[in-house]
Amino acid sequence: MDLSIVVTVHQTERQICQVLNALTRFTSSPFELVIVFDGCTDRSREIAESLLASQPGKATSVVMLDSPDVNETIANNLGMRAASGTHLILVQDDMEVLEDNWERRMLAPMEQWKDVFAVSARDAMNCSPASTLSTPRYSRLAAAQQFGDRELFAVRAVVNRGPLALRADVTRSLGYFDESYAPMHRDDSDLCLRARLELGYVCGTYNVVWRNLASTCRKVALERDGTFSNGMRLDDVVARNWRRFHRRYHRHFVDAYGANRKC
């Protein structure tokens, strides 16, 4: 298993230790750790460097990068382009994994079915009730009977990051996240649909235990006044990107599922 874990960090000096400690504690496979410090002006990098220096050998290699602007989409792309693994897992800086072998669970659907491109431990949605998208697949892993529904890999139209596992070769061939969605939102949905429509891959969700360290909506790319570094407010970014996403895929949804169906 050749794995790169990509973590984008923005002003999280208070919790970066929790995020990285969890990764080094619960990840059982050898992995490359790629950390992108996205517009950080606090002590996040200093704390991360100190922590990782005190835990040699937990990651086979560590790559640290700096992004001058605060954009989750661009920072993720920067990290993925620098990663060398055949599989990628994106972890956000407010996510603390809490399960042994979590990375093996996330990659298990890709090992089981060769047409699986993306696996989210967070959430997903359908754009239609069509059976090709909504019919779940059951894994035949050894723990299936023990965990019951926890072993259900549910195929959906799109999945959301993080933790989000991706096939690196497919991600690369698609050109990574479309940066016209920057700073964030719906770039992951767009990537999943491009993988399906252009290459025939599917995506889905598979449960992994983790918790969100943020008490409110993740603050990545947000300044104190609630705006992104490009001057747009979160609500405006979300609305813009929903419009962009639906303009691109409206004809696909109509042709495949009928004029009255939408996400």
Protein backbone atom coordinates (compact mmCIF):
# COMPACT_ATOMS: atom_id res chain seq x y z
CA MET A 1 0.00 0.00 0.00
CA ASP A 2 1.72 3.18 -1.22
CA LEU A 3 0.02 6.00 0.63
CA SER A 4 0.33 9.77 0.90
CA ILE A 5 -1.69 11.64 3.52
CA VAL A 6 -2.21 15.29 2.64
CA VAL A 7 -3.09 17.75 5.41
CA THR A 8 -3.84 21.41 4.70
CA VAL A 9 -3.38 23.71 7.68
CA HIS A 10 -4.64 27.24 8.29
CA GLN A 11 -4.17 28.97 11.65
CA THR A 12 -4.72 25.85 13.78
CA GLU A 13 -1.88 26.07 16.27
CA ARG A 14 -4.27 25.08 19.07
CA GLN A 15 -5.21 21.75 17.52
CA ILE A 16 -2.55 20.77 15.01
CA CYS A 17 -0.96 18.49 17.63
CA GLN A 18 -4.22 16.57 18.01
CA VAL A 19 -4.59 16.12 14.27
CA LEU A 20 -1.01 14.95 13.68
CA ASN A 21 -0.80 12.85 16.84
CA ALA A 22 -3.90 10.97 15.75
CA LEU A 23 -2.46 10.31 12.30
CA THR A 24 0.82 8.97 13.68
CA ARG A 25 -0.96 6.94 16.35
CA PHE A 26 -3.72 5.30 14.33
CA THR A 27 -2.14 4.93 10.87
CA SER A 28 -0.67 1.42 10.66
CA SER A 29 0.62 1.50 7.07
CA PRO A 30 3.84 3.20 5.99
CA PHE A 31 2.88 6.63 4.67
CA GLU A 32 4.20 9.85 3.28
CA LEU A 33 2.92 12.90 5.14
CA VAL A 34 2.43 16.05 3.07
CA ILE A 35 1.51 19.17 5.05
CA VAL A 36 0.54 22.40 3.30
CA PHE A 37 0.60 25.48 5.52
CA ASP A 38 -2.01 27.58 3.81
CA GLY A 39 -1.56 31.26 4.58
CA CYS A 40 -0.46 30.49 8.16
CA THR A 41 0.76 33.38 10.26
CA ASP A 42 0.53 31.59 13.62
CA ARG A 43 2.78 28.87 15.14
CA SER A 44 1.21 25.95 13.25
CA ARG A 45 4.36 25.09 11.30
CA GLU A 46 6.67 25.46 14.28
CA ILE A 47 4.46 23.18 16.38
CA ALA A 48 4.15 20.59 13.60
CA GLU A 49 7.90 20.51 13.00
CA SER A 50 8.60 20.05 16.71
CA LEU A 51 6.02 17.29 17.07
CA LEU A 52 7.22 15.32 14.07
CA ALA A 53 10.86 15.68 15.11
CA SER A 54 9.97 14.05 18.43
CA GLN A 55 8.32 11.09 16.68
CA PRO A 56 10.86 9.86 14.13
CA GLY A 57 9.83 6.93 11.99
CA LYS A 58 6.08 7.42 12.32
CA ALA A 59 5.93 8.63 8.73
CA THR A 60 8.35 7.26 6.16
CA SER A 61 8.81 10.78 4.80
CA VAL A 62 7.48 14.27 5.55
CA VAL A 63 7.00 17.05 3.00
CA MET A 64 6.15 20.54 4.24
CA LEU A 65 4.96 23.20 1.83
CA ASP A 66 3.77 26.79 2.10
CA SER A 67 0.90 28.27 0.15
CA PRO A 68 0.96 32.07 0.08
CA ASP A 69 -2.79 32.47 -0.16
CA VAL A 70 -5.67 30.93 1.80
CA ASN A 71 -7.51 28.64 -0.59
CA GLU A 72 -8.43 25.08 0.37
CA THR A 73 -8.78 23.98 -3.25
CA ILE A 74 -5.39 25.34 -4.29
CA ALA A 75 -3.66 24.07 -1.14
CA ASN A 76 -5.06 20.58 -1.68
CA ASN A 77 -3.81 20.60 -5.26
CA LEU A 78 -0.39 21.78 -4.15
CA GLY A 79 -0.18 18.91 -1.68
CA MET A 80 -1.46 16.28 -4.10
CA ARG A 81 0.96 17.35 -6.81
CA ALA A 82 3.84 16.97 -4.35
CA ALA A 83 2.66 13.56 -3.11
CA SER A 84 4.30 10.39 -4.42
CA GLY A 85 1.81 7.75 -3.22
CA THR A 86 -0.43 5.71 -5.50
CA HIS A 87 -3.27 6.47 -3.07
CA LEU A 88 -4.04 9.85 -1.51
CA ILE A 89 -6.02 10.62 1.63
CA LEU A 90 -6.98 14.25 2.25
CA VAL A 91 -7.40 15.21 5.90
CA GLN A 92 -8.51 18.65 7.04
CA ASP A 93 -6.94 20.46 9.95
CA ASP A 94 -9.98 20.06 12.20
CA MET A 95 -10.30 16.29 11.77
CA GLU A 96 -9.00 13.87 14.38
CA VAL A 97 -9.08 10.21 13.33
CA LEU A 98 -9.84 7.85 16.21
CA GLU A 99 -9.64 4.36 14.76
CA ASP A 100 -6.75 1.93 14.39
CA ASN A 101 -6.03 0.99 10.78
CA TRP A 102 -8.36 3.73 9.58
CA GLU A 103 -6.43 4.17 6.36
CA ARG A 104 -6.80 0.48 5.50
CA ARG A 105 -10.55 0.75 5.90
CA MET A 106 -10.72 3.78 3.64
CA LEU A 107 -8.72 2.09 0.90
CA ALA A 108 -10.48 -1.27 1.21
CA PRO A 109 -13.26 -0.45 -1.32
CA MET A 110 -10.61 0.46 -3.89
CA GLU A 111 -8.91 -2.88 -3.30
CA GLN A 112 -12.23 -4.71 -3.55
CA TRP A 113 -13.55 -2.99 -6.68
CA LYS A 114 -11.25 -1.58 -9.35
CA ASP A 115 -13.77 1.01 -10.55
CA VAL A 116 -13.87 2.87 -7.21
CA PHE A 117 -12.15 6.24 -7.50
CA ALA A 118 -13.00 8.05 -4.26
CA VAL A 119 -14.01 6.98 -0.74
CA SER A 120 -15.23 9.47 1.84
CA ALA A 121 -15.44 8.87 5.58
CA ARG A 122 -17.56 11.97 5.87
CA ASP A 123 -20.65 12.15 3.65
CA ALA A 124 -21.99 11.96 0.12
CA MET A 125 -25.13 12.49 -1.88
CA ASN A 126 -27.00 11.26 -4.91
CA CYS A 127 -28.12 13.38 -7.80
CA SER A 128 -30.80 10.85 -8.67
CA PRO A 129 -32.43 7.66 -7.46
CA ALA A 130 -31.09 5.79 -10.49
CA SER A 131 -30.00 2.27 -9.54
CA THR A 132 -26.56 2.71 -11.05
CA LEU A 133 -25.83 5.33 -8.42
CA SER A 134 -27.99 4.39 -5.45
CA THR A 135 -27.54 0.62 -5.26
CA PRO A 136 -25.15 -0.07 -2.37
CA ARG A 137 -22.30 -2.52 -2.65
CA TYR A 138 -21.56 -4.83 0.22
CA SER A 139 -17.95 -5.61 0.99
CA ARG A 140 -16.77 -9.15 1.61
CA LEU A 141 -14.19 -8.12 4.16
CA ALA A 142 -13.45 -10.36 7.12
CA ALA A 143 -15.11 -8.00 9.59
CA ALA A 144 -18.39 -7.71 7.68
CA GLN A 145 -20.49 -9.87 10.01
CA GLN A 146 -18.95 -8.35 13.10
CA PHE A 147 -19.79 -4.76 12.17
CA GLY A 148 -22.93 -5.28 10.11
CA ASP A 149 -23.98 -2.07 8.35
CA ARG A 150 -20.63 -0.52 9.16
CA GLU A 151 -19.28 -2.68 6.35
CA LEU A 152 -21.64 -1.19 3.79
CA PHE A 153 -19.84 0.68 1.03
CA ALA A 154 -22.56 2.89 -0.42
CA VAL A 155 -22.04 4.13 -3.98
CA ARG A 156 -23.17 7.71 -4.44
CA ALA A 157 -22.99 10.31 -7.19
CA VAL A 158 -20.51 12.53 -5.35
CA VAL A 159 -18.61 12.49 -2.07
CA ASN A 160 -17.24 15.24 0.13
CA ARG A 161 -13.78 15.63 1.59
CA GLY A 162 -12.39 14.68 4.34
CA PRO A 163 -11.13 12.26 5.23
CA LEU A 164 -11.23 11.55 1.51
CA ALA A 165 -9.28 8.79 -0.24
CA LEU A 166 -8.48 9.12 -3.95
CA ARG A 167 -6.66 7.11 -6.59
CA ALA A 168 -3.64 9.25 -7.38
CA ASP A 169 -3.34 8.23 -11.05
CA VAL A 170 -6.97 9.05 -11.79
CA THR A 171 -6.76 12.32 -9.87
CA ARG A 172 -3.67 13.25 -11.84
CA SER A 173 -5.27 12.38 -15.18
CA LEU A 174 -8.25 14.60 -14.35
CA GLY A 175 -6.02 17.55 -13.49
CA TYR A 176 -6.79 17.51 -9.74
CA PHE A 177 -9.45 19.83 -8.31
CA ASP A 178 -10.74 22.48 -10.69
CA GLU A 179 -9.32 25.68 -9.23
CA SER A 180 -12.13 27.79 -10.64
CA TYR A 181 -14.01 26.59 -7.54
CA ALA A 182 -11.37 28.18 -5.28
CA PRO A 183 -11.30 28.99 -2.48
CA MET A 184 -13.47 25.93 -1.72
CA HIS A 185 -16.81 24.06 -2.02
CA ARG A 186 -18.10 21.66 -4.73
CA ASP A 187 -14.65 21.08 -6.21
CA ASP A 188 -14.79 17.55 -4.75
CA SER A 189 -18.23 16.93 -6.28
CA ASP A 190 -16.96 18.18 -9.62
CA LEU A 191 -13.93 15.87 -9.48
CA CYS A 192 -16.12 12.84 -8.72
CA LEU A 193 -18.48 13.53 -11.60
CA ARG A 194 -15.61 14.05 -14.01
CA ALA A 195 -14.18 10.70 -12.93
CA ARG A 196 -17.54 9.05 -13.59
CA LEU A 197 -18.45 10.75 -16.86
CA GLU A 198 -14.99 10.74 -18.44
CA LEU A 199 -13.50 7.52 -17.08
CA GLY A 200 -16.34 5.40 -15.69
CA TYR A 201 -15.29 5.43 -12.02
CA VAL A 202 -17.64 5.54 -9.04
CA CYS A 203 -17.34 6.93 -5.53
CA GLY A 204 -18.93 6.21 -2.18
CA THR A 205 -18.82 6.37 1.60
CA TYR A 206 -17.29 3.96 4.09
CA ASN A 207 -17.43 4.60 7.80
CA VAL A 208 -14.30 5.50 9.74
CA VAL A 209 -14.34 6.85 13.30
CA TRP A 210 -13.17 10.46 13.50
CA ARG A 211 -14.33 13.67 15.11
CA ASN A 212 -14.53 17.28 14.09
CA LEU A 213 -12.48 19.53 16.36
CA ALA A 214 -14.24 22.67 15.17
CA SER A 215 -17.34 23.79 17.04
CA THR A 216 -18.69 25.60 13.98
CA CYS A 217 -18.27 25.42 10.20
CA ARG A 218 -14.63 24.78 9.37
CA LYS A 219 -12.74 28.05 9.30
CA VAL A 220 -10.32 27.15 6.51
CA ALA A 221 -9.59 30.18 4.35
CA LEU A 222 -11.74 32.41 6.53
CA GLU A 223 -10.48 35.58 8.10
CA ARG A 224 -11.81 37.01 11.35
CA ASP A 225 -14.52 39.03 9.61
CA GLY A 226 -15.88 35.93 7.90
CA THR A 227 -14.47 36.57 4.44
CA PHE A 228 -12.02 34.65 2.29
CA SER A 229 -8.70 36.08 1.22
CA ASN A 230 -10.22 36.99 -2.17
CA GLY A 231 -12.77 39.21 -0.43
CA MET A 232 -15.78 36.91 -0.88
CA ARG A 233 -17.90 35.80 2.04
CA LEU A 234 -18.56 32.12 2.66
CA ASP A 235 -22.24 32.29 1.68
CA ASP A 236 -21.32 34.00 -1.58
CA VAL A 237 -18.67 31.39 -2.39
CA VAL A 238 -21.11 28.54 -1.71
CA ALA A 239 -23.81 30.12 -3.87
CA ARG A 240 -21.41 30.85 -6.73
CA ASN A 241 -20.00 27.33 -6.76
CA TRP A 242 -23.41 25.67 -6.60
CA ARG A 243 -24.40 27.70 -9.66
CA ARG A 244 -21.18 26.75 -11.44
CA PHE A 245 -21.63 23.07 -10.58
CA HIS A 246 -25.24 22.92 -11.78
CA ARG A 247 -24.54 24.83 -14.97
CA ARG A 248 -21.88 22.27 -15.84
CA TYR A 249 -23.93 19.18 -15.04
CA HIS A 250 -27.53 20.23 -15.54
CA ARG A 251 -27.74 18.59 -18.99
CA HIS A 252 -26.24 15.39 -17.60
CA PHE A 253 -28.83 15.27 -14.80
CA VAL A 254 -31.70 15.98 -17.18
CA ASP A 255 -30.58 13.38 -19.72
CA ALA A 256 -29.93 10.70 -17.15
CA TYR A 257 -32.60 11.27 -14.56
CA GLY A 258 -35.32 13.53 -15.91
CA ALA A 259 -36.01 17.25 -15.90
CA ASN A 260 -37.46 17.27 -12.38
CA ARG A 261 -34.46 15.70 -10.67
CA LYS A 262 -31.71 17.75 -9.11
CA CYS A 263 -29.17 17.37 -6.31
